[in-house]
PDB file of all heavy atoms in Angstrom:
ATOM      1  N   THR A   1       2.155 -17.720  14.493  1.00  0.00           N
ATOM      2  CA  THR A   1       2.574 -17.434  13.123  1.00  0.00           C
ATOM      3  C   THR A   1       1.396 -17.268  12.170  1.00  0.00           C
ATOM      4  O   THR A   1       1.558 -16.745  11.074  1.00  0.00           O
ATOM      5  CB  THR A   1       3.478 -18.550  12.575  1.00  0.00           C
ATOM      6  OG1 THR A   1       2.763 -19.792  12.623  1.00  0.00           O
ATOM      7  CG2 THR A   1       4.758 -18.673  13.388  1.00  0.00           C
ATOM      8  N   SER A   2       0.215 -17.719  12.583  1.00  0.00           N
ATOM      9  CA  SER A   2      -0.912 -17.653  11.657  1.00  0.00           C
ATOM     10  C   SER A   2      -2.247 -17.622  12.388  1.00  0.00           C
ATOM     11  O   SER A   2      -2.486 -18.407  13.303  1.00  0.00           O
ATOM     12  CB  SER A   2      -0.879 -18.865  10.715  1.00  0.00           C
ATOM     13  OG  SER A   2      -1.972 -18.849   9.828  1.00  0.00           O
ATOM     14  N   ILE A   3      -3.097 -16.687  11.959  1.00  0.00           N
ATOM     15  CA  ILE A   3      -4.495 -16.647  12.394  1.00  0.00           C
ATOM     16  C   ILE A   3      -5.333 -16.870  11.142  1.00  0.00           C
ATOM     17  O   ILE A   3      -5.266 -16.077  10.199  1.00  0.00           O
ATOM     18  CB  ILE A   3      -4.855 -15.301  13.049  1.00  0.00           C
ATOM     19  CG1 ILE A   3      -3.970 -15.044  14.280  1.00  0.00           C
ATOM     20  CG2 ILE A   3      -6.326 -15.271  13.449  1.00  0.00           C
ATOM     21  CD1 ILE A   3      -4.106 -13.651  14.851  1.00  0.00           C
ATOM     22  N   THR A   4      -6.069 -17.977  11.110  1.00  0.00           N
ATOM     23  CA  THR A   4      -6.851 -18.323   9.925  1.00  0.00           C
ATOM     24  C   THR A   4      -8.333 -18.097  10.195  1.00  0.00           C
ATOM     25  O   THR A   4      -8.887 -18.662  11.144  1.00  0.00           O
ATOM     26  CB  THR A   4      -6.625 -19.795   9.527  1.00  0.00           C
ATOM     27  OG1 THR A   4      -5.225 -20.003   9.299  1.00  0.00           O
ATOM     28  CG2 THR A   4      -7.400 -20.139   8.268  1.00  0.00           C
ATOM     29  N   ILE A   5      -8.961 -17.270   9.362  1.00  0.00           N
ATOM     30  CA  ILE A   5     -10.385 -16.957   9.499  1.00  0.00           C
ATOM     31  C   ILE A   5     -11.147 -17.639   8.363  1.00  0.00           C
ATOM     32  O   ILE A   5     -10.768 -17.535   7.193  1.00  0.00           O
ATOM     33  CB  ILE A   5     -10.638 -15.440   9.433  1.00  0.00           C
ATOM     34  CG1 ILE A   5      -9.717 -14.675  10.416  1.00  0.00           C
ATOM     35  CG2 ILE A   5     -12.104 -15.124   9.701  1.00  0.00           C
ATOM     36  CD1 ILE A   5     -10.014 -14.912  11.852  1.00  0.00           C
ATOM     37  N   ASP A   6     -12.210 -18.339   8.692  1.00  0.00           N
ATOM     38  CA  ASP A   6     -13.057 -18.961   7.677  1.00  0.00           C
ATOM     39  C   ASP A   6     -13.499 -17.900   6.667  1.00  0.00           C
ATOM     40  O   ASP A   6     -13.933 -16.805   7.043  1.00  0.00           O
ATOM     41  CB  ASP A   6     -14.276 -19.601   8.346  1.00  0.00           C
ATOM     42  CG  ASP A   6     -15.079 -20.460   7.391  1.00  0.00           C
ATOM     43  OD1 ASP A   6     -15.647 -19.883   6.434  1.00  0.00           O
ATOM     44  OD2 ASP A   6     -15.151 -21.680   7.610  1.00  0.00           O
ATOM     45  N   ALA A   7     -13.376 -18.219   5.378  1.00  0.00           N
ATOM     46  CA  ALA A   7     -13.690 -17.249   4.318  1.00  0.00           C
ATOM     47  C   ALA A   7     -15.136 -16.776   4.368  1.00  0.00           C
ATOM     48  O   ALA A   7     -15.459 -15.688   3.881  1.00  0.00           O
ATOM     49  CB  ALA A   7     -13.395 -17.865   2.960  1.00  0.00           C
ATOM     50  N   GLY A   8     -16.018 -17.572   4.959  1.00  0.00           N
ATOM     51  CA  GLY A   8     -17.412 -17.192   5.046  1.00  0.00           C
ATOM     52  C   GLY A   8     -17.745 -16.280   6.206  1.00  0.00           C
ATOM     53  O   GLY A   8     -18.890 -15.828   6.336  1.00  0.00           O
ATOM     54  N   ASN A   9     -16.760 -15.961   7.063  1.00  0.00           N
ATOM     55  CA  ASN A   9     -17.005 -15.093   8.206  1.00  0.00           C
ATOM     56  C   ASN A   9     -17.366 -13.690   7.714  1.00  0.00           C
ATOM     57  O   ASN A   9     -16.647 -13.113   6.885  1.00  0.00           O
ATOM     58  CB  ASN A   9     -15.772 -15.045   9.107  1.00  0.00           C
ATOM     59  CG  ASN A   9     -16.055 -14.402  10.443  1.00  0.00           C
ATOM     60  OD1 ASN A   9     -16.399 -13.227  10.520  1.00  0.00           O
ATOM     61  ND2 ASN A   9     -15.899 -15.158  11.508  1.00  0.00           N
ATOM     62  N   SER A  10     -18.458 -13.144   8.229  1.00  0.00           N
ATOM     63  CA  SER A  10     -18.952 -11.855   7.734  1.00  0.00           C
ATOM     64  C   SER A  10     -18.337 -10.655   8.442  1.00  0.00           C
ATOM     65  O   SER A  10     -18.603  -9.506   8.059  1.00  0.00           O
ATOM     66  CB  SER A  10     -20.483 -11.795   7.870  1.00  0.00           C
ATOM     67  OG  SER A  10     -20.856 -11.963   9.225  1.00  0.00           O
ATOM     68  N   ASN A  11     -17.512 -10.889   9.481  1.00  0.00           N
ATOM     69  CA  ASN A  11     -16.939  -9.785  10.256  1.00  0.00           C
ATOM     70  C   ASN A  11     -15.415  -9.688  10.175  1.00  0.00           C
ATOM     71  O   ASN A  11     -14.857  -8.606  10.315  1.00  0.00           O
ATOM     72  CB  ASN A  11     -17.327  -9.933  11.735  1.00  0.00           C
ATOM     73  CG  ASN A  11     -18.806  -9.762  11.963  1.00  0.00           C
ATOM     74  OD1 ASN A  11     -19.293  -8.647  12.093  1.00  0.00           O
ATOM     75  ND2 ASN A  11     -19.535 -10.871  11.993  1.00  0.00           N
ATOM     76  N   TYR A  12     -14.760 -10.812   9.945  1.00  0.00           N
ATOM     77  CA  TYR A  12     -13.300 -10.843   9.984  1.00  0.00           C
ATOM     78  C   TYR A  12     -12.739 -11.579   8.773  1.00  0.00           C
ATOM     79  O   TYR A  12     -13.437 -12.335   8.096  1.00  0.00           O
ATOM     80  CB  TYR A  12     -12.816 -11.529  11.262  1.00  0.00           C
ATOM     81  CG  TYR A  12     -13.326 -10.872  12.529  1.00  0.00           C
ATOM     82  CD1 TYR A  12     -14.339 -11.462  13.279  1.00  0.00           C
ATOM     83  CD2 TYR A  12     -12.807  -9.657  12.967  1.00  0.00           C
ATOM     84  CE1 TYR A  12     -14.818 -10.861  14.440  1.00  0.00           C
ATOM     85  CE2 TYR A  12     -13.275  -9.042  14.117  1.00  0.00           C
ATOM     86  CZ  TYR A  12     -14.283  -9.654  14.848  1.00  0.00           C
ATOM     87  OH  TYR A  12     -14.748  -9.048  15.976  1.00  0.00           O
ATOM     88  N   SER A  13     -11.439 -11.347   8.520  1.00  0.00           N
ATOM     89  CA  SER A  13     -10.751 -12.026   7.424  1.00  0.00           C
ATOM     90  C   SER A  13      -9.278 -12.169   7.776  1.00  0.00           C
ATOM     91  O   SER A  13      -8.781 -11.546   8.730  1.00  0.00           O
ATOM     92  CB  SER A  13     -10.905 -11.233   6.120  1.00  0.00           C
ATOM     93  OG  SER A  13     -10.289  -9.954   6.237  1.00  0.00           O
ATOM     94  N   SER A  14      -8.584 -12.995   7.018  1.00  0.00           N
ATOM     95  CA  SER A  14      -7.138 -13.139   7.210  1.00  0.00           C
ATOM     96  C   SER A  14      -6.455 -13.220   5.865  1.00  0.00           C
ATOM     97  O   SER A  14      -7.005 -13.774   4.900  1.00  0.00           O
ATOM     98  CB  SER A  14      -6.815 -14.376   8.052  1.00  0.00           C
ATOM     99  OG  SER A  14      -7.276 -15.559   7.426  1.00  0.00           O
ATOM    100  N   VAL A  15      -5.270 -12.644   5.777  1.00  0.00           N
ATOM    101  CA  VAL A  15      -4.453 -12.683   4.571  1.00  0.00           C
ATOM    102  C   VAL A  15      -3.044 -13.090   4.984  1.00  0.00           C
ATOM    103  O   VAL A  15      -2.402 -12.382   5.779  1.00  0.00           O
ATOM    104  CB  VAL A  15      -4.419 -11.313   3.851  1.00  0.00           C
ATOM    105  CG1 VAL A  15      -3.529 -11.386   2.610  1.00  0.00           C
ATOM    106  CG2 VAL A  15      -5.815 -10.855   3.482  1.00  0.00           C
ATOM    107  N   ASP A  16      -2.585 -14.221   4.466  1.00  0.00           N
ATOM    108  CA  ASP A  16      -1.255 -14.736   4.811  1.00  0.00           C
ATOM    109  C   ASP A  16      -1.061 -14.831   6.324  1.00  0.00           C
ATOM    110  O   ASP A  16       0.017 -14.533   6.846  1.00  0.00           O
ATOM    111  CB  ASP A  16      -0.157 -13.866   4.188  1.00  0.00           C
ATOM    112  CG  ASP A  16      -0.227 -13.843   2.666  1.00  0.00           C
ATOM    113  OD1 ASP A  16      -0.629 -14.870   2.086  1.00  0.00           O
ATOM    114  OD2 ASP A  16       0.092 -12.802   2.074  1.00  0.00           O
ATOM    115  N   GLY A  17      -2.139 -15.210   7.013  1.00  0.00           N
ATOM    116  CA  GLY A  17      -2.064 -15.407   8.461  1.00  0.00           C
ATOM    117  C   GLY A  17      -2.239 -14.158   9.280  1.00  0.00           C
ATOM    118  O   GLY A  17      -2.263 -14.210  10.512  1.00  0.00           O
ATOM    119  N   VAL A  18      -2.382 -12.983   8.628  1.00  0.00           N
ATOM    120  CA  VAL A  18      -2.570 -11.706   9.333  1.00  0.00           C
ATOM    121  C   VAL A  18      -4.073 -11.448   9.459  1.00  0.00           C
ATOM    122  O   VAL A  18      -4.847 -11.686   8.525  1.00  0.00           O
ATOM    123  CB  VAL A  18      -1.879 -10.555   8.585  1.00  0.00           C
ATOM    124  CG1 VAL A  18      -2.063  -9.229   9.337  1.00  0.00           C
ATOM    125  CG2 VAL A  18      -0.386 -10.861   8.409  1.00  0.00           C
ATOM    126  N   PHE A  19      -4.480 -10.939  10.593  1.00  0.00           N
ATOM    127  CA  PHE A  19      -5.889 -10.827  10.984  1.00  0.00           C
ATOM    128  C   PHE A  19      -6.415  -9.420  10.732  1.00  0.00           C
ATOM    129  O   PHE A  19      -5.838  -8.433  11.209  1.00  0.00           O
ATOM    130  CB  PHE A  19      -5.966 -11.204  12.465  1.00  0.00           C
ATOM    131  CG  PHE A  19      -7.314 -11.137  13.110  1.00  0.00           C
ATOM    132  CD1 PHE A  19      -8.470 -11.399  12.408  1.00  0.00           C
ATOM    133  CD2 PHE A  19      -7.425 -10.854  14.470  1.00  0.00           C
ATOM    134  CE1 PHE A  19      -9.714 -11.358  13.021  1.00  0.00           C
ATOM    135  CE2 PHE A  19      -8.646 -10.815  15.105  1.00  0.00           C
ATOM    136  CZ  PHE A  19      -9.797 -11.064  14.370  1.00  0.00           C
ATOM    137  N   PHE A  20      -7.525  -9.329   9.967  1.00  0.00           N
ATOM    138  CA  PHE A  20      -8.145  -8.051   9.607  1.00  0.00           C
ATOM    139  C   PHE A  20      -9.652  -8.107   9.894  1.00  0.00           C
ATOM    140  O   PHE A  20     -10.207  -9.185  10.111  1.00  0.00           O
ATOM    141  CB  PHE A  20      -7.985  -7.761   8.105  1.00  0.00           C
ATOM    142  CG  PHE A  20      -6.579  -7.656   7.610  1.00  0.00           C
ATOM    143  CD1 PHE A  20      -5.876  -8.790   7.222  1.00  0.00           C
ATOM    144  CD2 PHE A  20      -5.951  -6.426   7.519  1.00  0.00           C
ATOM    145  CE1 PHE A  20      -4.574  -8.696   6.744  1.00  0.00           C
ATOM    146  CE2 PHE A  20      -4.645  -6.319   7.047  1.00  0.00           C
ATOM    147  CZ  PHE A  20      -3.960  -7.461   6.658  1.00  0.00           C
ATOM    148  N   ASN A  21     -10.301  -6.932   9.842  1.00  0.00           N
ATOM    149  CA  ASN A  21     -11.763  -6.951   9.755  1.00  0.00           C
ATOM    150  C   ASN A  21     -12.148  -7.423   8.353  1.00  0.00           C
ATOM    151  O   ASN A  21     -11.276  -7.656   7.505  1.00  0.00           O
ATOM    152  CB  ASN A  21     -12.362  -5.579  10.097  1.00  0.00           C
ATOM    153  CG  ASN A  21     -11.985  -4.501   9.083  1.00  0.00           C
ATOM    154  OD1 ASN A  21     -11.101  -4.674   8.243  1.00  0.00           O
ATOM    155  ND2 ASN A  21     -12.659  -3.372   9.151  1.00  0.00           N
ATOM    156  N   LYS A  22     -13.427  -7.598   8.088  1.00  0.00           N
ATOM    157  CA  LYS A  22     -13.862  -8.196   6.825  1.00  0.00           C
ATOM    158  C   LYS A  22     -13.410  -7.390   5.619  1.00  0.00           C
ATOM    159  O   LYS A  22     -12.951  -7.935   4.604  1.00  0.00           O
ATOM    160  CB  LYS A  22     -15.382  -8.361   6.818  1.00  0.00           C
ATOM    161  CG  LYS A  22     -15.909  -9.104   5.592  1.00  0.00           C
ATOM    162  CD  LYS A  22     -15.385 -10.531   5.524  1.00  0.00           C
ATOM    163  CE  LYS A  22     -15.979 -11.306   4.365  1.00  0.00           C
ATOM    164  NZ  LYS A  22     -15.470 -12.706   4.320  1.00  0.00           N
ATOM    165  N   LEU A  23     -13.535  -6.065   5.688  1.00  0.00           N
ATOM    166  CA  LEU A  23     -13.195  -5.203   4.553  1.00  0.00           C
ATOM    167  C   LEU A  23     -11.701  -4.912   4.467  1.00  0.00           C
ATOM    168  O   LEU A  23     -11.255  -4.226   3.552  1.00  0.00           O
ATOM    169  CB  LEU A  23     -13.976  -3.879   4.645  1.00  0.00           C
ATOM    170  CG  LEU A  23     -15.500  -3.995   4.557  1.00  0.00           C
ATOM    171  CD1 LEU A  23     -16.128  -2.621   4.739  1.00  0.00           C
ATOM    172  CD2 LEU A  23     -15.926  -4.623   3.239  1.00  0.00           C
ATOM    173  N   GLN A  24     -10.954  -5.426   5.443  1.00  0.00           N
ATOM    174  CA  GLN A  24      -9.498  -5.226   5.523  1.00  0.00           C
ATOM    175  C   GLN A  24      -9.120  -3.745   5.569  1.00  0.00           C
ATOM    176  O   GLN A  24      -8.103  -3.313   5.025  1.00  0.00           O
ATOM    177  CB  GLN A  24      -8.800  -5.941   4.370  1.00  0.00           C
ATOM    178  CG  GLN A  24      -8.937  -7.463   4.471  1.00  0.00           C
ATOM    179  CD  GLN A  24      -8.466  -8.218   3.264  1.00  0.00           C
ATOM    180  OE1 GLN A  24      -7.655  -7.719   2.494  1.00  0.00           O
ATOM    181  NE2 GLN A  24      -8.982  -9.419   3.078  1.00  0.00           N
ATOM    182  N   THR A  25      -9.983  -2.968   6.272  1.00  0.00           N
ATOM    183  CA  THR A  25      -9.664  -1.564   6.541  1.00  0.00           C
ATOM    184  C   THR A  25      -8.987  -1.406   7.911  1.00  0.00           C
ATOM    185  O   THR A  25      -8.353  -0.389   8.169  1.00  0.00           O
ATOM    186  CB  THR A  25     -10.937  -0.698   6.514  1.00  0.00           C
ATOM    187  OG1 THR A  25     -11.886  -1.232   7.454  1.00  0.00           O
ATOM    188  CG2 THR A  25     -11.546  -0.685   5.123  1.00  0.00           C
ATOM    189  N   LEU A  26      -9.141  -2.421   8.758  1.00  0.00           N
ATOM    190  CA  LEU A  26      -8.525  -2.417  10.086  1.00  0.00           C
ATOM    191  C   LEU A  26      -7.598  -3.624  10.211  1.00  0.00           C
ATOM    192  O   LEU A  26      -8.037  -4.773  10.072  1.00  0.00           O
ATOM    193  CB  LEU A  26      -9.596  -2.481  11.173  1.00  0.00           C
ATOM    194  CG  LEU A  26      -9.114  -2.723  12.619  1.00  0.00           C
ATOM    195  CD1 LEU A  26      -8.266  -1.552  13.106  1.00  0.00           C
ATOM    196  CD2 LEU A  26     -10.292  -2.953  13.560  1.00  0.00           C
ATOM    197  N   LEU A  27      -6.321  -3.374  10.462  1.00  0.00           N
ATOM    198  CA  LEU A  27      -5.380  -4.459  10.729  1.00  0.00           C
ATOM    199  C   LEU A  27      -5.437  -4.730  12.225  1.00  0.00           C
ATOM    200  O   LEU A  27      -5.038  -3.902  13.031  1.00  0.00           O
ATOM    201  CB  LEU A  27      -3.959  -4.082  10.295  1.00  0.00           C
ATOM    202  CG  LEU A  27      -2.938  -5.214  10.213  1.00  0.00           C
ATOM    203  CD1 LEU A  27      -1.765  -4.821   9.311  1.00  0.00           C
ATOM    204  CD2 LEU A  27      -2.407  -5.649  11.566  1.00  0.00           C
ATOM    205  N   ILE A  28      -5.961  -5.892  12.591  1.00  0.00           N
ATOM    206  CA  ILE A  28      -6.205  -6.199  13.998  1.00  0.00           C
ATOM    207  C   ILE A  28      -5.003  -6.848  14.663  1.00  0.00           C
ATOM    208  O   ILE A  28      -4.617  -6.477  15.770  1.00  0.00           O
ATOM    209  CB  ILE A  28      -7.443  -7.117  14.133  1.00  0.00           C
ATOM    210  CG1 ILE A  28      -8.687  -6.412  13.572  1.00  0.00           C
ATOM    211  CG2 ILE A  28      -7.672  -7.511  15.591  1.00  0.00           C
ATOM    212  CD1 ILE A  28      -9.910  -7.303  13.460  1.00  0.00           C
ATOM    213  N   GLN A  29      -4.389  -7.829  13.988  1.00  0.00           N
ATOM    214  CA  GLN A  29      -3.265  -8.539  14.616  1.00  0.00           C
ATOM    215  C   GLN A  29      -2.314  -9.098  13.566  1.00  0.00           C
ATOM    216  O   GLN A  29      -2.718  -9.862  12.683  1.00  0.00           O
ATOM    217  CB  GLN A  29      -3.772  -9.697  15.475  1.00  0.00           C
ATOM    218  CG  GLN A  29      -2.703 -10.350  16.338  1.00  0.00           C
ATOM    219  CD  GLN A  29      -2.369  -9.495  17.551  1.00  0.00           C
ATOM    220  OE1 GLN A  29      -3.244  -9.192  18.344  1.00  0.00           O
ATOM    221  NE2 GLN A  29      -1.102  -9.132  17.696  1.00  0.00           N
ATOM    222  N   TYR A  30      -1.059  -8.677  13.681  1.00  0.00           N
ATOM    223  CA  TYR A  30       0.025  -9.296  12.921  1.00  0.00           C
ATOM    224  C   TYR A  30       0.683 -10.285  13.874  1.00  0.00           C
ATOM    225  O   TYR A  30       1.247  -9.883  14.891  1.00  0.00           O
ATOM    226  CB  TYR A  30       1.020  -8.236  12.471  1.00  0.00           C
ATOM    227  CG  TYR A  30       2.186  -8.753  11.654  1.00  0.00           C
ATOM    228  CD1 TYR A  30       2.133  -8.764  10.263  1.00  0.00           C
ATOM    229  CD2 TYR A  30       3.348  -9.220  12.269  1.00  0.00           C
ATOM    230  CE1 TYR A  30       3.202  -9.224   9.510  1.00  0.00           C
ATOM    231  CE2 TYR A  30       4.413  -9.686  11.520  1.00  0.00           C
ATOM    232  CZ  TYR A  30       4.342  -9.688  10.146  1.00  0.00           C
ATOM    233  OH  TYR A  30       5.405 -10.153   9.403  1.00  0.00           O
ATOM    234  N   PRO A  31       0.577 -11.602  13.596  1.00  0.00           N
ATOM    235  CA  PRO A  31       1.095 -12.588  14.554  1.00  0.00           C
ATOM    236  C   PRO A  31       2.576 -12.383  14.868  1.00  0.00           C
ATOM    237  O   PRO A  31       3.405 -12.256  13.961  1.00  0.00           O
ATOM    238  CB  PRO A  31       0.855 -13.920  13.829  1.00  0.00           C
ATOM    239  CG  PRO A  31      -0.304 -13.658  12.944  1.00  0.00           C
ATOM    240  CD  PRO A  31      -0.099 -12.252  12.456  1.00  0.00           C
ATOM    241  N   ALA A  32       2.880 -12.353  16.156  1.00  0.00           N
ATOM    242  CA  ALA A  32       4.232 -12.013  16.609  1.00  0.00           C
ATOM    243  C   ALA A  32       5.275 -13.036  16.208  1.00  0.00           C
ATOM    244  O   ALA A  32       6.471 -12.727  16.176  1.00  0.00           O
ATOM    245  CB  ALA A  32       4.231 -11.845  18.129  1.00  0.00           C
ATOM    246  N   GLY A  33       4.857 -14.260  15.901  1.00  0.00           N
ATOM    247  CA  GLY A  33       5.818 -15.306  15.575  1.00  0.00           C
ATOM    248  C   GLY A  33       6.216 -15.382  14.111  1.00  0.00           C
ATOM    249  O   GLY A  33       7.070 -16.202  13.741  1.00  0.00           O
ATOM    250  N   ILE A  34       5.627 -14.562  13.248  1.00  0.00           N
ATOM    251  CA  ILE A  34       6.013 -14.553  11.833  1.00  0.00           C
ATOM    252  C   ILE A  34       7.495 -14.184  11.731  1.00  0.00           C
ATOM    253  O   ILE A  34       7.948 -13.209  12.339  1.00  0.00           O
ATOM    254  CB  ILE A  34       5.143 -13.570  11.026  1.00  0.00           C
ATOM    255  CG1 ILE A  34       3.698 -14.072  10.957  1.00  0.00           C
ATOM    256  CG2 ILE A  34       5.689 -13.388   9.611  1.00  0.00           C
ATOM    257  CD1 ILE A  34       2.746 -13.143  10.241  1.00  0.00           C
ATOM    258  N   LEU A  35       8.247 -14.945  10.943  1.00  0.00           N
ATOM    259  CA  LEU A  35       9.705 -14.779  10.911  1.00  0.00           C
ATOM    260  C   LEU A  35      10.178 -13.710   9.932  1.00  0.00           C
ATOM    261  O   LEU A  35      11.350 -13.325   9.972  1.00  0.00           O
ATOM    262  CB  LEU A  35      10.377 -16.115  10.575  1.00  0.00           C
ATOM    263  CG  LEU A  35      10.171 -17.237  11.599  1.00  0.00           C
ATOM    264  CD1 LEU A  35      10.841 -18.522  11.127  1.00  0.00           C
ATOM    265  CD2 LEU A  35      10.699 -16.829  12.969  1.00  0.00           C
ATOM    266  N   ASP A  36       9.293 -13.238   9.048  1.00  0.00           N
ATOM    267  CA  ASP A  36       9.691 -12.206   8.087  1.00  0.00           C
ATOM    268  C   ASP A  36      10.185 -10.964   8.824  1.00  0.00           C
ATOM    269  O   ASP A  36       9.641 -10.593   9.871  1.00  0.00           O
ATOM    270  CB  ASP A  36       8.510 -11.818   7.195  1.00  0.00           C
ATOM    271  CG  ASP A  36       8.015 -12.993   6.353  1.00  0.00           C
ATOM    272  OD1 ASP A  36       8.775 -13.960   6.192  1.00  0.00           O
ATOM    273  OD2 ASP A  36       6.867 -12.931   5.879  1.00  0.00           O
ATOM    274  N   ASN A  37      11.201 -10.304   8.249  1.00  0.00           N
ATOM    275  CA  ASN A  37      11.734  -9.103   8.912  1.00  0.00           C
ATOM    276  C   ASN A  37      11.194  -7.801   8.336  1.00  0.00           C
ATOM    277  O   ASN A  37      11.583  -6.718   8.767  1.00  0.00           O
ATOM    278  CB  ASN A  37      13.261  -9.100   8.906  1.00  0.00           C
ATOM    279  CG  ASN A  37      13.855  -9.117   7.508  1.00  0.00           C
ATOM    280  OD1 ASN A  37      13.150  -8.884   6.519  1.00  0.00           O
ATOM    281  ND2 ASN A  37      15.139  -9.406   7.407  1.00  0.00           N
ATOM    282  N   SER A  38      10.297  -7.915   7.351  1.00  0.00           N
ATOM    283  CA  SER A  38       9.665  -6.707   6.813  1.00  0.00           C
ATOM    284  C   SER A  38       8.225  -7.014   6.443  1.00  0.00           C
ATOM    285  O   SER A  38       7.871  -8.163   6.154  1.00  0.00           O
ATOM    286  CB  SER A  38      10.431  -6.189   5.585  1.00  0.00           C
ATOM    287  OG  SER A  38      10.349  -7.114   4.519  1.00  0.00           O
TER     288      SER A  38
END
């Protein structure tokens, strides 16, 4: 349900548990267990 990236990481980031590259131009992983339907 959540992938948490340390805010100081220079290569990756996370927003609401969703995993991105640092600049958030690439969505790497939306956790499959998130219960939201949209």
